[in-house]
């Protein structure tokens, strides 16, 4: 039997501590699945001002108090604390970097919550966090077999370890996972001078005359993954998805796309603690009870026989919000109701608010993010929209399938791997898909879903079949185990 590995999983967000996007869900479900395989995996994140130490049971570690962290010519003090993330079967330790200047004093994660402006010192903030990861390993004298980094906020770690502490980390290997190549950690070239790395390797981090965190991670990691096979193909062949990094990725031998999984306890309509009305064989009772709750929450009338369309999203062009806004007037002519939960750009909020006023009997929006409401919406929705311009994975498609909502998606990235178009005669497939990023094509796909909804027997057959599939990490976690074993030989 192969011996268990020691793994440090480093991320900028993870539930239950903090969530902005899907990376927080993956950073929860993935380590728990790896722990289930018997590996010693721990997680490390920054402690932002919005994270409650009391609520999350975060406590001190004596050895990790008041650590001096150098970021270029500057230095500041970090204290690394401890907590854990668990589900009913598994527990994973979490290390949490605290620092007033870069994290505790800021309520937002990447941007000012009041203005929506990105923090101008994000380069320093996350370079500081990356150095805190290295210093934690040095103080604990714990040099894991694998340090698994996620997105640009953790991208400096492989270079820091290999260039500044090569002897200590000589047996450690580095995996870097791209969750979304839309954000590469781009800053002015002068940002490199803040990192404390040797000037001789500056070009490893410079791309199109800018500092690029992700480019450096591609150079110094031992293996690079992304969150679906189709997205992997897109970012190795199409420059529009990559800001030119496709040229580097296409030449990498140690690169693979692996579809994300979901946690079988946290996202499970039979066991979900956030659902009052859980699923127990009677599909329509489960669906109607949750739909009724959602409609009342959004101040919409409960109408029998009318399908509920839902969308939980970041208000951003990438997520297809332009298509939704463009399509809404036509969609509102159908016998449907539509709820949208989202957070993002003020201009989209204003447009959606105006549309909700115009169609207040049928369309309602809620801004901000509410984890419990997100679970309730997945359980109450009949049709779930994911009309993304591009989509690395599309976790909400997995949640929708698991919770008995039919996804309507554009064929891009991970959505191509998750959703197979329904054949209305053979009743094969699990959702409705469209190819072109056009409102007319989105409306056609929604129209097909509405027509199928009229046949309750066929609708139930497909949704219940979808709910019985395994969307957890179990079918695919072995692919990561193989990568860990390969690079630690």
Protein backbone atom coordinates (compact mmCIF):
# COMPACT_ATOMS: atom_id res chain seq x y z
CA UNK A 1 0.00 0.00 0.00
CA UNK A 2 1.31 3.46 -0.93
CA UNK A 3 2.14 5.70 2.00
CA UNK A 4 -0.07 8.77 2.61
CA UNK A 5 1.31 12.09 1.40
CA UNK A 6 1.49 15.39 3.25
CA UNK A 7 -0.19 18.21 1.30
CA UNK A 8 -0.68 21.92 1.95
CA UNK A 9 -3.58 23.35 -0.06
CA UNK A 10 -3.27 27.13 -0.34
CA UNK A 11 -6.19 29.30 -1.46
CA UNK A 12 -7.50 32.84 -1.18
CA UNK A 13 -11.03 31.80 -0.17
CA UNK A 14 -12.80 28.77 1.26
CA UNK A 15 -16.17 28.12 2.84
CA UNK A 16 -17.21 28.34 5.64
CA UNK A 17 -14.75 31.20 6.27
CA UNK A 18 -15.23 33.35 3.16
CA UNK A 19 -16.68 33.06 -0.33
CA UNK A 20 -16.62 35.26 -3.42
CA UNK A 21 -16.72 32.62 -6.16
CA UNK A 22 -16.70 28.91 -6.92
CA UNK A 23 -13.07 28.53 -5.84
CA UNK A 24 -14.34 28.76 -2.24
CA UNK A 25 -16.56 25.70 -2.78
CA UNK A 26 -13.76 23.71 -4.41
CA UNK A 27 -11.31 24.73 -1.68
CA UNK A 28 -13.72 23.14 0.79
CA UNK A 29 -14.81 20.00 -1.05
CA UNK A 30 -11.46 19.06 -2.58
CA UNK A 31 -9.34 18.88 0.62
CA UNK A 32 -12.06 16.87 2.34
CA UNK A 33 -12.05 14.39 -0.55
CA UNK A 34 -8.24 14.17 -0.46
CA UNK A 35 -8.37 13.62 3.31
CA UNK A 36 -10.84 10.78 2.71
CA UNK A 37 -8.11 9.06 0.67
CA UNK A 38 -5.91 9.03 3.77
CA UNK A 39 -3.55 11.90 2.96
CA UNK A 40 -2.50 14.48 5.57
CA UNK A 41 -3.89 17.59 3.88
CA UNK A 42 -4.10 21.03 5.48
CA UNK A 43 -5.48 24.30 4.12
CA UNK A 44 -4.09 27.85 4.37
CA UNK A 45 -5.95 31.12 3.72
CA UNK A 46 -5.70 34.81 4.67
CA UNK A 47 -7.99 36.20 7.39
CA UNK A 48 -9.88 39.10 5.86
CA UNK A 49 -11.70 41.63 8.01
CA UNK A 50 -15.05 39.99 7.26
CA UNK A 51 -14.02 36.68 8.87
CA UNK A 52 -15.18 36.29 12.47
CA UNK A 53 -12.63 34.55 14.69
CA UNK A 54 -15.28 33.69 17.25
CA UNK A 55 -17.82 32.29 14.81
CA UNK A 56 -15.18 30.22 12.99
CA UNK A 57 -13.41 29.09 16.18
CA UNK A 58 -10.07 30.50 15.10
CA UNK A 59 -7.40 30.23 17.79
CA UNK A 60 -3.73 31.06 18.31
CA UNK A 61 -0.75 28.80 17.71
CA UNK A 62 2.01 29.90 20.08
CA UNK A 63 4.86 29.14 17.68
CA UNK A 64 3.26 31.15 14.88
CA UNK A 65 2.76 34.49 16.63
CA UNK A 66 4.36 37.73 15.41
CA UNK A 67 6.25 36.36 12.41
CA UNK A 68 8.24 38.98 10.49
CA UNK A 69 7.37 38.69 6.80
CA UNK A 70 9.52 40.43 4.21
CA UNK A 71 7.90 41.68 1.01
CA UNK A 72 10.71 43.14 -1.05
CA UNK A 73 12.32 45.94 0.95
CA UNK A 74 9.32 46.16 3.27
CA UNK A 75 8.38 43.91 6.16
CA UNK A 76 5.38 43.48 8.39
CA UNK A 77 4.24 41.10 11.09
CA UNK A 78 1.85 38.18 10.63
CA UNK A 79 0.31 35.86 13.16
CA UNK A 80 -0.83 32.52 11.79
CA UNK A 81 -3.80 31.00 13.59
CA UNK A 82 -5.66 27.71 13.34
CA UNK A 83 -9.17 26.44 12.75
CA UNK A 84 -10.73 23.55 10.86
CA UNK A 85 -13.26 22.76 8.18
CA UNK A 86 -15.39 19.65 8.48
CA UNK A 87 -18.32 17.69 7.24
CA UNK A 88 -19.94 14.76 9.10
CA UNK A 89 -17.20 12.33 8.05
CA UNK A 90 -13.96 14.34 7.83
CA UNK A 91 -11.98 17.16 9.43
CA UNK A 92 -9.19 19.23 7.85
CA UNK A 93 -6.95 21.69 9.70
CA UNK A 94 -6.80 25.26 8.40
CA UNK A 95 -3.96 27.74 8.94
CA UNK A 96 -5.06 31.37 8.74
CA UNK A 97 -2.71 34.31 8.12
CA UNK A 98 -3.67 37.41 10.09
CA UNK A 99 -2.21 40.87 9.46
CA UNK A 100 -3.86 44.21 10.07
CA UNK A 101 -2.41 46.23 7.18
CA UNK A 102 -3.10 43.78 4.37
CA UNK A 103 -6.10 41.78 5.56
CA UNK A 104 -7.80 42.47 8.92
CA UNK A 105 -8.35 46.18 8.18
CA UNK A 106 -10.07 45.37 4.88
CA UNK A 107 -13.63 44.00 4.89
CA UNK A 108 -13.47 43.10 1.21
CA UNK A 109 -11.53 40.20 -0.27
CA UNK A 110 -10.15 41.60 -3.51
CA UNK A 111 -11.95 44.94 -3.68
CA UNK A 112 -13.43 47.69 -1.53
CA UNK A 113 -16.96 46.61 -0.63
CA UNK A 114 -18.27 50.20 -0.66
CA UNK A 115 -16.80 51.43 -3.94
CA UNK A 116 -16.32 48.19 -5.88
CA UNK A 117 -12.77 49.31 -6.67
CA UNK A 118 -10.01 46.68 -6.66
CA UNK A 119 -7.53 47.23 -3.82
CA UNK A 120 -4.48 48.96 -5.35
CA UNK A 121 -2.08 46.96 -3.14
CA UNK A 122 -3.36 43.49 -4.08
CA UNK A 123 0.08 42.63 -5.42
CA UNK A 124 1.66 43.34 -2.02
CA UNK A 125 -1.22 41.72 -0.12
CA UNK A 126 -0.92 38.38 -1.82
CA UNK A 127 2.88 38.39 -2.07
CA UNK A 128 2.77 38.87 1.72
CA UNK A 129 0.34 35.96 2.06
CA UNK A 130 2.54 33.72 -0.12
CA UNK A 131 5.59 34.55 2.02
CA UNK A 132 3.56 33.76 5.16
CA UNK A 133 2.94 30.27 3.77
CA UNK A 134 6.68 29.73 3.31
CA UNK A 135 7.51 31.10 6.78
CA UNK A 136 4.86 28.89 8.39
CA UNK A 137 6.45 25.78 6.89
CA UNK A 138 9.91 26.93 8.01
CA UNK A 139 8.84 27.61 11.61
CA UNK A 140 6.87 24.36 11.90
CA UNK A 141 9.73 22.49 10.21
CA UNK A 142 7.00 20.94 8.07
CA UNK A 143 7.90 20.62 4.41
CA UNK A 144 4.96 18.82 2.81
CA UNK A 145 5.34 16.45 -0.10
CA UNK A 146 3.07 18.73 -2.15
CA UNK A 147 2.04 22.37 -1.90
CA UNK A 148 -1.08 22.81 -4.01
CA UNK A 149 -1.60 26.44 -5.08
CA UNK A 150 -4.77 27.95 -6.53
CA UNK A 151 -5.08 30.95 -8.86
CA UNK A 152 -2.88 34.04 -9.00
CA UNK A 153 -3.21 34.93 -5.31
CA UNK A 154 -1.02 31.93 -4.41
CA UNK A 155 1.15 31.94 -7.53
CA UNK A 156 4.35 33.26 -5.89
CA UNK A 157 4.73 30.26 -3.58
CA UNK A 158 6.60 27.88 -5.94
CA UNK A 159 9.15 30.57 -6.85
CA UNK A 160 9.65 31.66 -3.23
CA UNK A 161 10.29 28.07 -2.14
CA UNK A 162 12.53 27.05 -5.04
CA UNK A 163 14.57 30.25 -5.30
CA UNK A 164 14.84 31.51 -1.72
CA UNK A 165 14.78 28.24 0.26
CA UNK A 166 15.87 25.50 -2.16
CA UNK A 167 17.46 23.28 0.48
CA UNK A 168 14.49 23.29 2.85
CA UNK A 169 11.94 22.62 0.08
CA UNK A 170 14.11 20.25 -1.98
CA UNK A 171 11.64 17.37 -1.52
CA UNK A 172 8.47 19.45 -1.94
CA UNK A 173 6.64 19.52 -5.27
CA UNK A 174 4.21 22.19 -6.45
CA UNK A 175 0.83 21.89 -8.17
CA UNK A 176 -0.86 25.02 -9.50
CA UNK A 177 -4.57 24.94 -10.38
CA UNK A 178 -6.08 27.52 -12.72
CA UNK A 179 -9.67 28.16 -11.66
CA UNK A 180 -10.15 31.15 -13.96
CA UNK A 181 -7.52 32.50 -16.33
CA UNK A 182 -9.53 35.69 -16.73
CA UNK A 183 -7.66 37.10 -13.74
CA UNK A 184 -3.91 36.51 -13.95
CA UNK A 185 -2.64 38.87 -11.26
CA UNK A 186 -1.48 41.57 -13.67
CA UNK A 187 0.25 44.64 -12.25
CA UNK A 188 2.81 47.20 -13.47
CA UNK A 189 6.24 45.65 -14.10
CA UNK A 190 7.55 47.57 -11.07
CA UNK A 191 5.46 45.24 -8.87
CA UNK A 192 8.14 42.60 -9.31
CA UNK A 193 10.50 44.71 -7.21
CA UNK A 194 8.15 44.25 -4.24
CA UNK A 195 8.44 40.46 -4.30
CA UNK A 196 11.97 40.08 -2.98
CA UNK A 197 12.83 37.62 -5.75
CA UNK A 198 16.18 37.89 -7.60
CA UNK A 199 16.19 40.49 -10.39
CA UNK A 200 17.78 37.86 -12.67
CA UNK A 201 14.48 35.96 -12.97
CA UNK A 202 12.23 39.00 -13.50
CA UNK A 203 11.34 37.97 -17.06
CA UNK A 204 9.78 34.78 -15.70
CA UNK A 205 7.03 37.00 -14.27
CA UNK A 206 6.80 39.65 -17.02
CA UNK A 207 4.18 39.19 -19.74
CA UNK A 208 3.24 41.89 -22.23
CA UNK A 209 5.36 44.36 -20.24
CA UNK A 210 3.38 43.71 -17.03
CA UNK A 211 4.03 41.72 -13.89
CA UNK A 212 1.98 38.53 -14.29
CA UNK A 213 1.67 36.27 -11.24
CA UNK A 214 0.24 33.32 -13.18
CA UNK A 215 3.08 33.30 -15.72
CA UNK A 216 5.51 32.83 -12.84
CA UNK A 217 3.45 29.96 -11.42
CA UNK A 218 3.49 28.21 -14.81
CA UNK A 219 7.28 28.50 -14.84
CA UNK A 220 7.98 27.22 -11.31
CA UNK A 221 5.21 24.65 -10.68
CA UNK A 222 5.83 20.95 -11.22
CA UNK A 223 2.32 20.30 -12.53
CA UNK A 224 -0.49 22.61 -13.66
CA UNK A 225 -4.16 21.67 -13.71
CA UNK A 226 -7.40 23.40 -14.54
CA UNK A 227 -11.00 22.70 -13.63
CA UNK A 228 -12.37 20.88 -16.69
CA UNK A 229 -11.06 19.05 -19.77
CA UNK A 230 -12.83 21.37 -22.21
CA UNK A 231 -11.48 24.51 -20.54
CA UNK A 232 -8.00 22.97 -20.74
CA UNK A 233 -8.45 22.62 -24.51
CA UNK A 234 -9.69 26.20 -24.81
CA UNK A 235 -6.82 27.78 -22.90
CA UNK A 236 -4.18 25.85 -24.82
CA UNK A 237 -5.59 26.75 -28.23
CA UNK A 238 -7.40 30.08 -28.04
CA UNK A 239 -5.59 33.29 -27.11
CA UNK A 240 -8.82 35.19 -26.35
CA UNK A 241 -9.25 33.09 -23.20
CA UNK A 242 -5.68 33.52 -22.01
CA UNK A 243 -4.20 36.97 -22.69
CA UNK A 244 -1.50 35.17 -24.66
CA UNK A 245 -0.58 32.55 -22.04
CA UNK A 246 -1.98 29.83 -24.33
CA UNK A 247 1.42 29.74 -26.03
CA UNK A 248 3.07 28.68 -22.75
CA UNK A 249 0.28 26.29 -21.73
CA UNK A 250 0.21 24.53 -25.11
CA UNK A 251 3.88 23.56 -24.69
CA UNK A 252 3.50 22.18 -21.17
CA UNK A 253 3.70 18.42 -20.75
CA UNK A 254 2.55 18.44 -17.12
CA UNK A 255 -0.84 20.06 -17.72
CA UNK A 256 -4.31 18.54 -17.41
CA UNK A 257 -7.96 19.53 -17.12
CA UNK A 258 -9.90 17.65 -14.42
CA UNK A 259 -13.59 18.37 -13.83
CA UNK A 260 -14.41 19.65 -10.35
CA UNK A 261 -16.57 17.66 -7.98
CA UNK A 262 -18.92 18.77 -5.20
CA UNK A 263 -19.10 17.81 -1.55
CA UNK A 264 -21.63 14.96 -1.10
CA UNK A 265 -22.76 16.32 2.26
CA UNK A 266 -22.81 20.07 1.75
CA UNK A 267 -24.52 19.89 -1.66
CA UNK A 268 -26.97 17.03 -1.22
CA UNK A 269 -30.75 17.64 -1.30
CA UNK A 270 -31.30 14.57 0.89
CA UNK A 271 -29.01 15.79 3.71
CA UNK A 272 -28.62 19.55 3.16
CA UNK A 273 -28.79 21.31 6.55
CA UNK A 274 -29.76 24.56 4.82
CA UNK A 275 -32.94 23.02 3.37
CA UNK A 276 -36.06 22.81 5.48
CA UNK A 277 -37.73 20.63 2.83
CA UNK A 278 -35.29 17.88 1.86
CA UNK A 279 -35.69 15.44 -1.01
CA UNK A 280 -37.14 12.06 -0.07
CA UNK A 281 -38.38 10.16 -3.17
CA UNK A 282 -41.40 12.45 -3.78
CA UNK A 283 -39.91 14.83 -6.34
CA UNK A 284 -42.84 17.20 -6.79
CA UNK A 285 -43.50 17.65 -3.06
CA UNK A 286 -39.83 18.50 -2.54
CA UNK A 287 -39.71 20.84 -5.52
CA UNK A 288 -42.98 22.67 -4.85
CA UNK A 289 -42.20 23.22 -1.15
CA UNK A 290 -38.83 24.76 -1.95
CA UNK A 291 -40.22 26.74 -4.88
CA UNK A 292 -42.92 28.20 -2.66
CA UNK A 293 -40.29 29.35 -0.15
CA UNK A 294 -38.18 30.99 -2.86
CA UNK A 295 -41.10 32.78 -4.49
CA UNK A 296 -42.27 34.19 -1.16
CA UNK A 297 -38.71 35.23 -0.33
CA UNK A 298 -38.60 37.21 -3.59
CA UNK A 299 -42.15 38.57 -3.11
CA UNK A 300 -43.53 36.72 -6.11
CA UNK A 301 -46.91 34.99 -6.26
CA UNK A 302 -46.93 31.20 -5.93
CA UNK A 303 -48.43 30.03 -9.23
CA UNK A 304 -49.13 26.36 -9.81
CA UNK A 305 -47.86 24.97 -13.09
CA UNK A 306 -45.57 27.92 -13.88
CA UNK A 307 -41.88 27.03 -14.19
CA UNK A 308 -39.41 28.93 -12.01
CA UNK A 309 -36.22 30.02 -13.76
CA UNK A 310 -33.25 30.89 -11.55
CA UNK A 311 -29.74 32.25 -11.77
CA UNK A 312 -27.13 32.70 -9.03
CA UNK A 313 -24.23 34.61 -10.44
CA UNK A 314 -21.50 37.17 -10.37
CA UNK A 315 -22.79 40.15 -12.34
CA UNK A 316 -20.14 40.08 -15.01
CA UNK A 317 -20.02 39.75 -18.79
CA UNK A 318 -18.20 36.43 -18.44
CA UNK A 319 -21.31 34.96 -16.80
CA UNK A 320 -23.60 35.98 -19.67
CA UNK A 321 -25.49 38.63 -17.74
CA UNK A 322 -25.65 40.78 -20.91
CA UNK A 323 -27.52 38.00 -22.69
CA UNK A 324 -29.98 37.69 -19.82
CA UNK A 325 -30.69 41.44 -19.77
CA UNK A 326 -31.05 41.47 -23.56
CA UNK A 327 -33.43 38.48 -23.49
CA UNK A 328 -35.62 39.45 -20.56
CA UNK A 329 -38.31 41.46 -22.36
CA UNK A 330 -39.01 38.56 -24.72
CA UNK A 331 -38.75 35.96 -21.94
CA UNK A 332 -41.32 37.82 -19.82
CA UNK A 333 -43.95 37.14 -22.52
CA UNK A 334 -43.80 33.46 -21.54
CA UNK A 335 -45.65 31.92 -18.61
CA UNK A 336 -42.58 31.85 -16.35
CA UNK A 337 -41.21 33.35 -13.16
CA UNK A 338 -37.56 34.29 -12.77
CA UNK A 339 -35.41 34.97 -9.70
CA UNK A 340 -31.81 36.16 -9.77
CA UNK A 341 -29.37 36.27 -6.86
CA UNK A 342 -26.13 38.06 -7.65
CA UNK A 343 -23.40 40.51 -6.81
CA UNK A 344 -21.13 42.55 -9.02
CA UNK A 345 -20.90 45.61 -11.21
CA UNK A 346 -23.15 48.59 -10.31
CA UNK A 347 -24.24 49.13 -13.93
CA UNK A 348 -25.68 45.61 -14.08
CA UNK A 349 -27.40 46.08 -10.73
CA UNK A 350 -29.11 49.21 -12.03
CA UNK A 351 -30.30 47.53 -15.23
CA UNK A 352 -31.63 44.51 -13.34
CA UNK A 353 -33.34 46.71 -10.75
CA UNK A 354 -35.12 48.61 -13.52
CA UNK A 355 -36.21 45.36 -15.19
CA UNK A 356 -37.50 43.99 -11.88
CA UNK A 357 -39.64 47.12 -11.50
CA UNK A 358 -40.99 46.72 -15.04
CA UNK A 359 -41.85 43.03 -14.56
CA UNK A 360 -42.52 42.93 -10.82
CA UNK A 361 -45.12 40.14 -11.17
CA UNK A 362 -42.65 37.77 -12.83
CA UNK A 363 -39.02 38.83 -12.22
CA UNK A 364 -37.23 39.60 -8.96
CA UNK A 365 -33.61 40.19 -7.98
CA UNK A 366 -31.61 40.10 -4.77
CA UNK A 367 -28.11 41.55 -4.56
CA UNK A 368 -25.35 40.25 -2.33
CA UNK A 369 -24.60 36.64 -1.59
CA UNK A 370 -26.53 34.42 0.77
CA UNK A 371 -25.36 30.80 1.03
CA UNK A 372 -28.60 29.47 2.53
CA UNK A 373 -30.72 31.23 -0.08
CA UNK A 374 -28.45 29.85 -2.83
CA UNK A 375 -29.19 26.30 -1.65
CA UNK A 376 -32.92 27.07 -1.41
CA UNK A 377 -32.94 28.51 -4.93
CA UNK A 378 -31.25 25.41 -6.38
CA UNK A 379 -33.87 23.25 -4.64
CA UNK A 380 -36.79 25.44 -5.75
CA UNK A 381 -35.82 26.19 -9.34
CA UNK A 382 -37.17 24.22 -12.29
CA UNK A 383 -34.78 25.74 -14.84
CA UNK A 384 -31.32 27.11 -14.06
CA UNK A 385 -29.51 29.50 -16.43
CA UNK A 386 -25.77 29.42 -17.17
CA UNK A 387 -25.43 31.36 -20.45
CA UNK A 388 -21.74 32.09 -19.87
CA UNK A 389 -19.51 33.77 -22.42
CA UNK A 390 -16.82 31.45 -21.08
CA UNK A 391 -16.88 29.14 -18.06
CA UNK A 392 -13.88 27.23 -16.66
CA UNK A 393 -16.06 24.71 -14.81
CA UNK A 394 -19.64 25.73 -13.97
CA UNK A 395 -20.22 24.32 -10.48
CA UNK A 396 -23.79 25.61 -10.45
CA UNK A 397 -24.60 23.23 -13.29
CA UNK A 398 -23.57 20.36 -10.99
CA UNK A 399 -25.60 21.80 -8.10
CA UNK A 400 -28.64 22.18 -10.37
CA UNK A 401 -28.44 18.61 -11.62
CA UNK A 402 -28.07 17.33 -8.05
CA UNK A 403 -31.02 19.42 -6.81
CA UNK A 404 -33.46 18.65 -9.62
CA UNK A 405 -33.24 21.80 -11.74
CA UNK A 406 -32.66 21.46 -15.48
CA UNK A 407 -29.66 23.57 -16.56
CA UNK A 408 -29.79 25.73 -19.69
CA UNK A 409 -26.16 26.42 -20.63
CA UNK A 410 -23.97 27.73 -23.40
CA UNK A 411 -21.54 25.16 -24.76
CA UNK A 412 -18.30 26.50 -23.35
CA UNK A 413 -15.60 25.27 -20.97
CA UNK A 414 -16.70 22.91 -18.23
CA UNK A 415 -20.37 23.30 -19.16
CA UNK A 416 -19.63 21.20 -22.26
CA UNK A 417 -18.32 18.44 -19.98
CA UNK A 418 -21.23 18.61 -17.51
CA UNK A 419 -24.35 19.14 -19.63
CA UNK A 420 -25.50 16.92 -22.50
CA UNK A 421 -28.32 18.30 -24.65
CA UNK A 422 -31.69 16.63 -24.08
CA UNK A 423 -33.24 14.75 -26.99
CA UNK A 424 -36.96 15.43 -26.50
CA UNK A 425 -37.98 12.22 -28.28
CA UNK A 426 -35.49 9.76 -26.78
CA UNK A 427 -35.37 11.67 -23.45
CA UNK A 428 -31.60 11.27 -23.27
CA UNK A 429 -29.34 14.03 -21.98
CA UNK A 430 -29.54 16.10 -18.81
CA UNK A 431 -30.01 19.76 -19.83
CA UNK A 432 -30.43 22.18 -22.72
CA UNK A 433 -27.46 23.68 -24.53
CA UNK A 434 -26.83 26.37 -27.15
CA UNK A 435 -23.64 27.25 -29.05
CA UNK A 436 -23.67 30.89 -30.12
CA UNK A 437 -23.41 33.75 -27.65
CA UNK A 438 -26.66 35.33 -28.84
CA UNK A 439 -29.87 36.14 -27.01
CA UNK A 440 -31.96 34.48 -29.72
CA UNK A 441 -30.15 31.18 -29.11
CA UNK A 442 -30.53 31.48 -25.34
CA UNK A 443 -34.27 32.10 -25.76
CA UNK A 444 -34.62 29.05 -28.03
CA UNK A 445 -32.96 26.83 -25.41
CA UNK A 446 -35.17 28.23 -22.63
CA UNK A 447 -38.20 27.70 -24.89
CA UNK A 448 -37.29 24.02 -25.29
CA UNK A 449 -37.06 23.69 -21.51
CA UNK A 450 -40.46 25.36 -21.02
CA UNK A 451 -42.06 22.98 -23.54
CA UNK A 452 -40.61 19.92 -21.82
CA UNK A 453 -41.84 21.22 -18.46
CA UNK A 454 -45.43 20.90 -19.71
CA UNK A 455 -45.00 17.10 -19.71
CA UNK A 456 -44.64 16.46 -15.99
CA UNK A 457 -43.91 12.75 -16.39
CA UNK A 458 -41.00 13.28 -18.79
CA UNK A 459 -39.70 16.21 -16.74
CA UNK A 460 -39.70 14.18 -13.54
CA UNK A 461 -38.03 11.25 -15.29
CA UNK A 462 -35.10 13.36 -16.44
CA UNK A 463 -34.69 15.38 -13.24
CA UNK A 464 -34.84 12.36 -10.93
CA UNK A 465 -32.34 10.54 -13.15
CA UNK A 466 -30.07 13.58 -12.89
CA UNK A 467 -30.42 13.63 -9.09
CA UNK A 468 -29.32 10.00 -8.84
CA UNK A 469 -25.90 10.60 -10.45
CA UNK A 470 -22.66 11.01 -8.48
CA UNK A 471 -21.30 14.57 -8.81
CA UNK A 472 -18.85 14.25 -5.93
CA UNK A 473 -15.05 14.13 -6.19
CA UNK A 474 -15.15 10.34 -5.81
CA UNK A 475 -15.12 9.49 -9.55
CA UNK A 476 -12.22 11.87 -10.29
CA UNK A 477 -10.13 12.45 -7.16
CA UNK A 478 -7.85 9.57 -8.21
CA UNK A 479 -6.66 11.75 -11.12
CA UNK A 480 -5.20 14.21 -8.62
CA UNK A 481 -3.79 11.37 -6.56
CA UNK A 482 -2.02 10.11 -9.69
CA UNK A 483 -0.54 13.59 -10.26
CA UNK A 484 0.67 13.85 -6.66
CA UNK A 485 2.28 10.39 -6.93
CA UNK A 486 3.85 11.18 -10.30
CA UNK A 487 5.63 14.35 -9.18
CA UNK A 488 6.74 13.00 -5.78
CA UNK A 489 8.38 9.81 -7.11
